[in-house]
Amino acid sequence: MTISRRHFISGMGSLTLLGSPLFNARAATMRKKNFVVVMLRGGMDGLTAIQPNDSKMERVRPDILVTGVKKLTSDFNIHPRLKSFYDCWQDGKAAVVHATSIPYTLRSHFDGQNLMESGGHTPYAEKTGWLGRGIEVSALGGLAISLPMPLLLRGNNTLDNFFPTWMSLPKDGDLSVIQSSYSEGSALAEVMNRVRSRPVSMMQRSGDNQAHELAVVAAQELRREDGPRVAVFDIGGFDTHAAQGGEDGAHGECLADFDKVLQELRNGLGDQFDNTLIVTLTEFGRKVEQNGGYGTEHGYGTAVLMAGGLVKSPQVYADWPGLATKHLFERQDLNATIDARSVYCSAMSACFDIDFKTMQDRAFFGDPLNDLTDQLFKA
């Protein structure tokens, strides 16, 4: 079967867990702080998720303007499908960075998604991801679930990864027999050592691979003191060229998918939610004006949603450019006034207990990013 471009962009959710003290001595001595990245593929519309109080919105989006919004600040409202996010906000455990994006403006999903994961400058030039490089700086090591390893998590060192096939697991005695056929110290023998060390709970079927079902598994593992410290979710479907809708449209459904993930994580983590930071990642935003199909085209500026006890305070952090045509990127998109990589670099600095400058140099090539750690996160 040939996979279509649209099917690729709107594929099913996946989950990766990484970083366990069982595999790393440094992690065992650190206060456990969980870092969760939720990739929203297709171009999440920050103007739909976190809608500005601007009369222009009614003029340029007459058919897809979100109604039933809830107030966040005097300047911004939240989409009604983001119920759990709003609950976190009211509890002081959610925040938004608005008018932000990775520094990519050419509107290709494939190039943009490559850059949002690599953190680089040129599509396909980097073979590692910013989170993988950040984990190497932190020296956490770890175990990953999924196949193939997402670019976001790839580093220069080999990480153990696997995909749960939901088949019956072989008995450990059978694995021992298999391992005995490999030379001691060989690469294949090392692979078998890794397989035998994997938690059985991670190899058992859970739900139907919907993102919120995977969140139940993630919460169970992340809340363990000796469990993983990094999780990556992958949710598609945000490429809403048609029928984007307002409160109940296609984009609202996608936001609800993210919100279910957040709800399951919060419920499952319990007290560990206070030691967790959840951030979203997308390749670009969407145009300010709706199109003829009651959707939106690829844009530039968007929003980063953040939740968890490591969020400093409920705020919409932005250098807001406004929606006046003269202030729009190419006179059509919300401009990005904050490099989203500054947010991610600061988040890793806070979660991995590594100073921002070191993380900036090693994970983001020393690019001129702003340290937002004190503004956005708790130590």
Protein backbone atom coordinates (compact mmCIF):
# COMPACT_ATOMS: atom_id res chain seq x y z
CA MET A 1 0.00 0.00 0.00
CA THR A 2 1.29 3.48 -0.85
CA ILE A 3 0.87 5.88 2.04
CA SER A 4 -0.54 9.26 1.10
CA ARG A 5 0.81 12.62 2.24
CA ARG A 6 -2.39 13.38 4.14
CA HIS A 7 -2.41 9.95 5.85
CA PHE A 8 1.19 10.47 6.89
CA ILE A 9 0.39 13.81 8.48
CA SER A 10 -2.67 12.50 10.35
CA GLY A 11 -1.26 9.15 11.48
CA MET A 12 -2.05 7.47 14.80
CA GLY A 13 -0.54 8.53 18.07
CA SER A 14 2.59 6.96 19.46
CA LEU A 15 4.49 7.04 22.73
CA THR A 16 8.15 6.92 23.65
CA LEU A 17 9.46 6.66 27.21
CA LEU A 18 13.09 7.38 27.97
CA GLY A 19 15.49 7.81 30.86
CA SER A 20 15.46 5.50 33.86
CA PRO A 21 17.71 5.54 36.95
CA LEU A 22 17.88 1.76 36.54
CA PHE A 23 20.24 2.44 33.66
CA ASN A 24 22.12 5.49 34.90
CA ALA A 25 23.89 6.38 38.15
CA ARG A 26 23.51 10.16 37.82
CA ALA A 27 19.74 9.90 37.45
CA ALA A 28 19.55 7.81 40.61
CA THR A 29 21.01 10.68 42.66
CA MET A 30 18.80 13.42 41.17
CA ARG A 31 15.42 14.65 42.27
CA LYS A 32 13.08 13.00 39.79
CA LYS A 33 11.60 15.51 37.35
CA ASN A 34 9.61 14.28 34.37
CA PHE A 35 9.76 15.97 30.98
CA VAL A 36 6.94 15.22 28.52
CA VAL A 37 6.88 16.48 24.93
CA VAL A 38 3.65 16.22 22.95
CA MET A 39 4.24 16.62 19.21
CA LEU A 40 1.17 18.07 17.46
CA ARG A 41 1.74 17.28 13.80
CA GLY A 42 0.11 19.21 11.00
CA GLY A 43 0.44 22.76 12.28
CA MET A 44 -1.44 23.54 15.50
CA ASP A 45 -3.36 26.81 15.21
CA GLY A 46 -2.34 28.89 18.20
CA LEU A 47 -5.05 31.43 17.36
CA THR A 48 -7.68 28.72 17.79
CA ALA A 49 -6.21 27.13 20.91
CA ILE A 50 -5.49 30.43 22.67
CA GLN A 51 -7.66 33.04 21.00
CA PRO A 52 -6.70 36.71 21.32
CA ASN A 53 -9.28 39.32 22.24
CA ASP A 54 -9.06 41.15 18.93
CA SER A 55 -12.03 42.31 16.87
CA LYS A 56 -10.16 41.39 13.71
CA MET A 57 -10.71 37.71 14.51
CA GLU A 58 -14.43 38.08 13.83
CA ARG A 59 -13.77 39.71 10.46
CA VAL A 60 -11.17 37.27 9.15
CA ARG A 61 -12.67 34.09 10.64
CA PRO A 62 -16.44 34.57 10.46
CA ASP A 63 -17.15 30.83 10.03
CA ILE A 64 -14.48 29.30 12.25
CA LEU A 65 -14.30 31.73 15.14
CA VAL A 66 -14.30 29.78 18.39
CA THR A 67 -17.27 30.50 20.61
CA GLY A 68 -17.78 29.41 24.20
CA VAL A 69 -14.21 30.34 25.08
CA LYS A 70 -13.06 30.76 28.66
CA LYS A 71 -11.06 33.74 29.84
CA LEU A 72 -7.39 33.28 30.65
CA THR A 73 -6.30 36.91 30.81
CA SER A 74 -7.72 40.23 29.69
CA ASP A 75 -6.08 39.63 26.30
CA PHE A 76 -6.50 35.89 25.68
CA ASN A 77 -9.16 33.16 25.90
CA ILE A 78 -8.86 29.39 25.76
CA HIS A 79 -10.64 26.92 23.47
CA PRO A 80 -13.48 25.16 25.35
CA ARG A 81 -12.18 21.70 24.36
CA LEU A 82 -9.06 22.30 26.45
CA LYS A 83 -10.92 21.52 29.66
CA SER A 84 -8.13 19.75 31.56
CA PHE A 85 -5.64 22.39 30.49
CA TYR A 86 -7.98 25.06 31.88
CA ASP A 87 -8.30 23.12 35.15
CA CYS A 88 -4.50 23.07 35.39
CA TRP A 89 -4.45 26.80 34.69
CA GLN A 90 -6.88 27.46 37.53
CA ASP A 91 -4.66 25.37 39.83
CA GLY A 92 -1.60 27.40 38.81
CA LYS A 93 -0.12 24.52 36.81
CA ALA A 94 -0.46 25.61 33.18
CA ALA A 95 0.91 28.40 31.01
CA VAL A 96 1.21 29.45 27.38
CA VAL A 97 3.97 30.93 25.26
CA HIS A 98 2.26 32.72 22.37
CA ALA A 99 3.46 34.22 19.08
CA THR A 100 6.25 31.66 18.95
CA SER A 101 7.56 29.10 16.47
CA ILE A 102 10.67 27.32 15.38
CA PRO A 103 12.64 29.51 12.92
CA TYR A 104 11.11 27.94 9.80
CA THR A 105 8.87 29.88 7.40
CA LEU A 106 8.52 27.84 4.17
CA ARG A 107 5.34 25.94 5.14
CA SER A 108 6.30 22.38 4.17
CA HIS A 109 5.06 19.79 6.67
CA PHE A 110 7.94 17.43 5.99
CA ASP A 111 10.68 20.04 6.21
CA GLY A 112 9.02 21.75 9.17
CA GLN A 113 8.55 18.55 11.15
CA ASN A 114 12.15 17.56 10.51
CA LEU A 115 13.32 20.92 11.88
CA MET A 116 10.97 20.93 14.85
CA GLU A 117 12.56 17.64 15.94
CA SER A 118 16.17 18.29 14.96
CA GLY A 119 16.29 21.90 16.16
CA GLY A 120 18.55 22.61 13.21
CA HIS A 121 18.66 25.22 10.46
CA THR A 122 18.45 23.19 7.24
CA PRO A 123 15.95 20.35 6.69
CA TYR A 124 17.51 16.87 6.88
CA ALA A 125 20.99 18.22 7.64
CA GLU A 126 20.97 16.93 11.23
CA LYS A 127 20.77 13.25 12.14
CA THR A 128 20.03 13.87 15.82
CA GLY A 129 17.22 15.62 17.70
CA TRP A 130 17.34 18.46 20.23
CA LEU A 131 15.88 16.28 22.97
CA GLY A 132 18.29 13.45 22.25
CA ARG A 133 21.21 15.85 22.43
CA GLY A 134 19.80 17.39 25.61
CA ILE A 135 19.54 13.98 27.24
CA GLU A 136 23.17 13.28 26.32
CA VAL A 137 24.20 16.54 27.99
CA SER A 138 22.28 15.49 31.11
CA ALA A 139 23.86 12.00 31.00
CA LEU A 140 20.56 10.39 31.96
CA GLY A 141 20.85 7.42 29.62
CA GLY A 142 17.75 5.31 29.32
CA LEU A 143 15.29 2.98 27.67
CA ALA A 144 12.93 3.97 24.87
CA ILE A 145 9.68 2.51 23.62
CA SER A 146 8.85 2.81 19.90
CA LEU A 147 10.19 1.84 16.52
CA PRO A 148 11.74 3.64 14.85
CA MET A 149 13.30 5.97 17.38
CA PRO A 150 11.82 9.42 16.67
CA LEU A 151 14.32 11.96 15.33
CA LEU A 152 13.54 14.19 18.32
CA LEU A 153 15.15 11.63 20.65
CA ARG A 154 18.09 10.53 18.54
CA GLY A 155 21.49 11.36 19.93
CA ASN A 156 25.07 10.55 19.00
CA ASN A 157 25.09 7.56 21.34
CA THR A 158 23.03 4.42 20.84
CA LEU A 159 19.88 4.24 22.95
CA ASP A 160 17.93 1.06 23.59
CA ASN A 161 14.56 1.15 21.85
CA PHE A 162 11.81 -1.33 21.06
CA PHE A 163 8.25 -1.50 19.83
CA PRO A 164 5.67 -3.50 21.81
CA THR A 165 4.27 -6.00 19.28
CA TRP A 166 1.58 -7.23 21.70
CA MET A 167 2.60 -10.86 21.12
CA SER A 168 3.20 -13.39 23.88
CA LEU A 169 6.56 -12.82 25.50
CA PRO A 170 9.10 -15.67 25.45
CA LYS A 171 10.05 -17.10 28.81
CA ASP A 172 13.32 -15.88 30.28
CA GLY A 173 14.74 -19.41 29.98
CA ASP A 174 14.13 -19.32 26.25
CA LEU A 175 15.85 -15.95 26.04
CA SER A 176 18.83 -17.42 27.91
CA VAL A 177 19.14 -20.21 25.35
CA ILE A 178 19.01 -17.68 22.52
CA GLN A 179 21.58 -15.47 24.21
CA SER A 180 23.97 -18.39 24.75
CA SER A 181 24.33 -18.77 20.99
CA TYR A 182 25.96 -15.33 20.77
CA SER A 183 29.59 -14.63 21.64
CA GLU A 184 30.07 -13.00 25.04
CA GLY A 185 30.53 -9.27 24.61
CA SER A 186 29.19 -9.23 21.07
CA ALA A 187 26.65 -6.67 19.88
CA LEU A 188 23.94 -9.33 19.64
CA ALA A 189 24.65 -10.54 23.17
CA GLU A 190 24.33 -6.96 24.40
CA VAL A 191 20.98 -6.64 22.61
CA MET A 192 19.70 -9.73 24.41
CA ASN A 193 20.90 -8.32 27.73
CA ARG A 194 18.83 -5.22 27.04
CA VAL A 195 15.77 -7.22 26.03
CA ARG A 196 15.90 -9.29 29.21
CA SER A 197 16.20 -6.14 31.36
CA ARG A 198 13.05 -4.49 29.99
CA PRO A 199 10.06 -4.10 32.32
CA VAL A 200 7.38 -6.63 31.42
CA SER A 201 4.70 -4.00 32.04
CA MET A 202 6.00 -2.05 29.07
CA MET A 203 5.54 -5.04 26.76
CA GLN A 204 1.90 -5.71 27.55
CA ARG A 205 -1.02 -4.52 25.48
CA SER A 206 -2.86 -1.42 26.71
CA GLY A 207 -5.89 -0.09 24.85
CA ASP A 208 -5.86 0.57 21.12
CA ASN A 209 -2.89 2.93 20.80
CA GLN A 210 -5.04 6.03 21.01
CA ALA A 211 -2.96 8.81 22.54
CA HIS A 212 -4.97 8.98 25.78
CA GLU A 213 -4.65 5.19 26.19
CA LEU A 214 -0.89 5.51 25.83
CA ALA A 215 -0.98 8.29 28.43
CA VAL A 216 -2.26 5.79 30.99
CA VAL A 217 0.83 3.64 30.39
CA ALA A 218 3.11 6.67 30.45
CA ALA A 219 1.71 7.90 33.77
CA GLN A 220 2.18 4.48 35.37
CA GLU A 221 5.85 4.44 34.39
CA LEU A 222 6.66 8.11 34.96
CA ARG A 223 5.27 8.15 38.49
CA ARG A 224 7.67 5.39 39.60
CA GLU A 225 10.70 6.72 41.43
CA ASP A 226 12.88 4.36 39.38
CA GLY A 227 10.87 4.87 36.22
CA PRO A 228 11.50 6.85 33.03
CA ARG A 229 11.93 10.61 33.17
CA VAL A 230 11.14 11.52 29.56
CA ALA A 231 8.07 10.76 27.48
CA VAL A 232 7.26 11.81 23.92
CA PHE A 233 3.76 11.66 22.44
CA ASP A 234 3.03 12.00 18.75
CA ILE A 235 -0.45 13.22 17.76
CA GLY A 236 -1.44 14.04 14.18
CA GLY A 237 -4.39 15.61 12.44
CA PHE A 238 -3.83 19.36 12.92
CA ASP A 239 -3.59 20.09 9.18
CA THR A 240 -7.12 21.48 8.91
CA HIS A 241 -7.35 23.01 5.43
CA ALA A 242 -11.10 22.33 5.45
CA ALA A 243 -13.82 22.08 8.10
CA GLN A 244 -11.53 23.42 10.79
CA GLY A 245 -14.60 24.67 12.62
CA GLY A 246 -14.80 26.56 15.85
CA GLU A 247 -15.76 24.89 19.11
CA ASP A 248 -16.72 21.54 17.57
CA GLY A 249 -14.68 21.44 14.38
CA ALA A 250 -11.76 19.28 13.32
CA HIS A 251 -9.16 21.41 15.05
CA GLY A 252 -11.18 21.34 18.26
CA GLU A 253 -11.25 17.54 18.08
CA CYS A 254 -7.46 17.47 17.80
CA LEU A 255 -7.11 19.81 20.76
CA ALA A 256 -9.44 17.50 22.69
CA ASP A 257 -7.09 14.59 21.88
CA PHE A 258 -4.23 16.52 23.46
CA ASP A 259 -6.43 17.44 26.41
CA LYS A 260 -7.28 13.76 27.04
CA VAL A 261 -3.56 12.99 27.15
CA LEU A 262 -3.08 15.76 29.70
CA GLN A 263 -6.03 14.52 31.76
CA GLU A 264 -4.74 10.93 31.88
CA LEU A 265 -1.25 12.08 32.76
CA ARG A 266 -2.49 14.27 35.57
CA ASN A 267 -4.79 11.59 36.97
CA GLY A 268 -2.22 8.82 36.66
CA LEU A 269 0.81 10.73 37.94
CA GLY A 270 -0.84 11.78 41.18
CA ASP A 271 1.64 13.69 43.33
CA GLN A 272 4.32 13.23 40.66
CA PHE A 273 2.42 15.70 38.48
CA ASP A 274 4.00 18.39 40.67
CA ASN A 275 7.42 17.19 39.44
CA THR A 276 6.40 17.08 35.79
CA LEU A 277 6.60 19.48 32.86
CA ILE A 278 4.52 18.91 29.72
CA VAL A 279 5.17 21.01 26.58
CA THR A 280 3.74 20.92 23.06
CA LEU A 281 5.72 21.01 19.82
CA THR A 282 4.41 21.71 16.30
CA GLU A 283 5.99 22.65 12.97
CA PHE A 284 4.17 25.96 12.41
CA GLY A 285 0.90 27.78 12.99
CA ARG A 286 -1.83 28.65 10.51
CA LYS A 287 -2.84 31.71 8.55
CA VAL A 288 -4.89 34.38 10.32
CA GLU A 289 -7.63 34.45 7.66
CA GLN A 290 -9.88 31.46 6.94
CA ASN A 291 -9.91 29.97 3.44
CA GLY A 292 -12.81 29.07 1.14
CA GLY A 293 -13.11 25.59 2.65
CA TYR A 294 -13.76 26.89 6.16
CA GLY A 295 -10.23 25.95 7.13
CA THR A 296 -6.84 27.63 7.31
CA GLU A 297 -3.62 27.35 5.30
CA HIS A 298 -0.11 26.81 6.63
CA GLY A 299 1.21 29.75 8.60
CA TYR A 300 4.04 30.72 10.95
CA GLY A 301 3.46 31.89 14.53
CA THR A 302 1.64 29.57 16.95
CA ALA A 303 1.55 28.80 20.69
CA VAL A 304 3.31 26.40 23.04
CA LEU A 305 1.05 24.90 25.71
CA MET A 306 2.71 23.93 29.00
CA ALA A 307 1.36 22.12 32.04
CA GLY A 308 2.55 20.44 35.24
CA GLY A 309 3.83 21.42 38.63
CA LEU A 310 7.12 22.69 37.20
CA VAL A 311 5.30 25.54 35.42
CA LYS A 312 6.15 28.71 37.33
CA SER A 313 2.76 30.44 37.13
CA PRO A 314 -0.41 30.60 35.01
CA GLN A 315 0.52 33.16 32.35
CA VAL A 316 0.40 33.85 28.63
CA TYR A 317 4.01 34.77 28.03
CA ALA A 318 4.36 36.72 24.79
CA ASP A 319 5.90 39.66 23.00
CA TRP A 320 2.57 40.06 21.27
CA PRO A 321 2.91 41.51 17.73
CA GLY A 322 -0.81 42.03 17.19
CA LEU A 323 -2.94 41.12 14.19
CA ALA A 324 -2.75 44.37 12.25
CA THR A 325 -1.79 43.50 8.67
CA LYS A 326 1.43 45.50 8.83
CA HIS A 327 2.58 43.38 11.78
CA LEU A 328 1.76 39.99 10.24
CA PHE A 329 4.46 37.79 8.78
CA GLU A 330 4.23 38.23 5.01
CA ARG A 331 1.02 40.18 5.75
CA GLN A 332 -0.86 36.92 6.38
CA ASP A 333 0.46 35.01 9.42
CA LEU A 334 0.76 35.64 13.14
CA ASN A 335 4.38 36.64 13.53
CA ALA A 336 6.72 34.67 15.79
CA THR A 337 8.52 37.01 18.16
CA ILE A 338 9.95 34.25 20.40
CA ASP A 339 12.10 31.40 19.09
CA ALA A 340 10.36 28.28 20.40
CA ARG A 341 13.75 26.64 20.84
CA SER A 342 14.36 29.10 23.69
CA VAL A 343 11.37 27.54 25.45
CA TYR A 344 12.59 23.97 24.90
CA CYS A 345 16.17 24.75 25.86
CA SER A 346 14.95 26.42 29.06
CA ALA A 347 12.63 23.49 29.77
CA MET A 348 15.45 20.96 29.49
CA SER A 349 17.68 23.14 31.64
CA ALA A 350 15.00 23.13 34.37
CA CYS A 351 14.13 19.43 34.13
CA PHE A 352 17.62 18.00 33.66
CA ASP A 353 19.39 20.33 36.14
CA ILE A 354 21.84 21.58 33.51
CA ASP A 355 22.71 25.25 33.16
CA PHE A 356 21.10 26.98 30.19
CA LYS A 357 24.35 27.97 28.46
CA THR A 358 25.61 24.39 28.40
CA MET A 359 22.28 23.15 27.06
CA GLN A 360 22.25 25.94 24.48
CA ASP A 361 25.75 25.07 23.24
CA ARG A 362 25.29 21.32 23.15
CA ALA A 363 21.63 20.84 22.20
CA PHE A 364 21.08 23.90 19.98
CA PHE A 365 24.51 24.51 18.41
CA GLY A 366 25.13 27.66 20.46
CA ASP A 367 22.40 29.53 18.57
CA PRO A 368 21.39 32.91 20.07
CA LEU A 369 18.50 31.81 22.28
CA ASN A 370 16.99 33.57 25.29
CA ASP A 371 17.14 31.98 28.73
CA LEU A 372 13.49 31.83 29.84
CA THR A 373 14.04 29.38 32.69
CA ASP A 374 13.32 31.83 35.51
CA GLN A 375 10.34 33.36 33.71
CA LEU A 376 8.60 30.09 32.85
CA PHE A 377 9.69 27.25 35.16
CA LYS A 378 10.33 26.28 38.74
CA ALA A 379 13.79 25.07 39.71
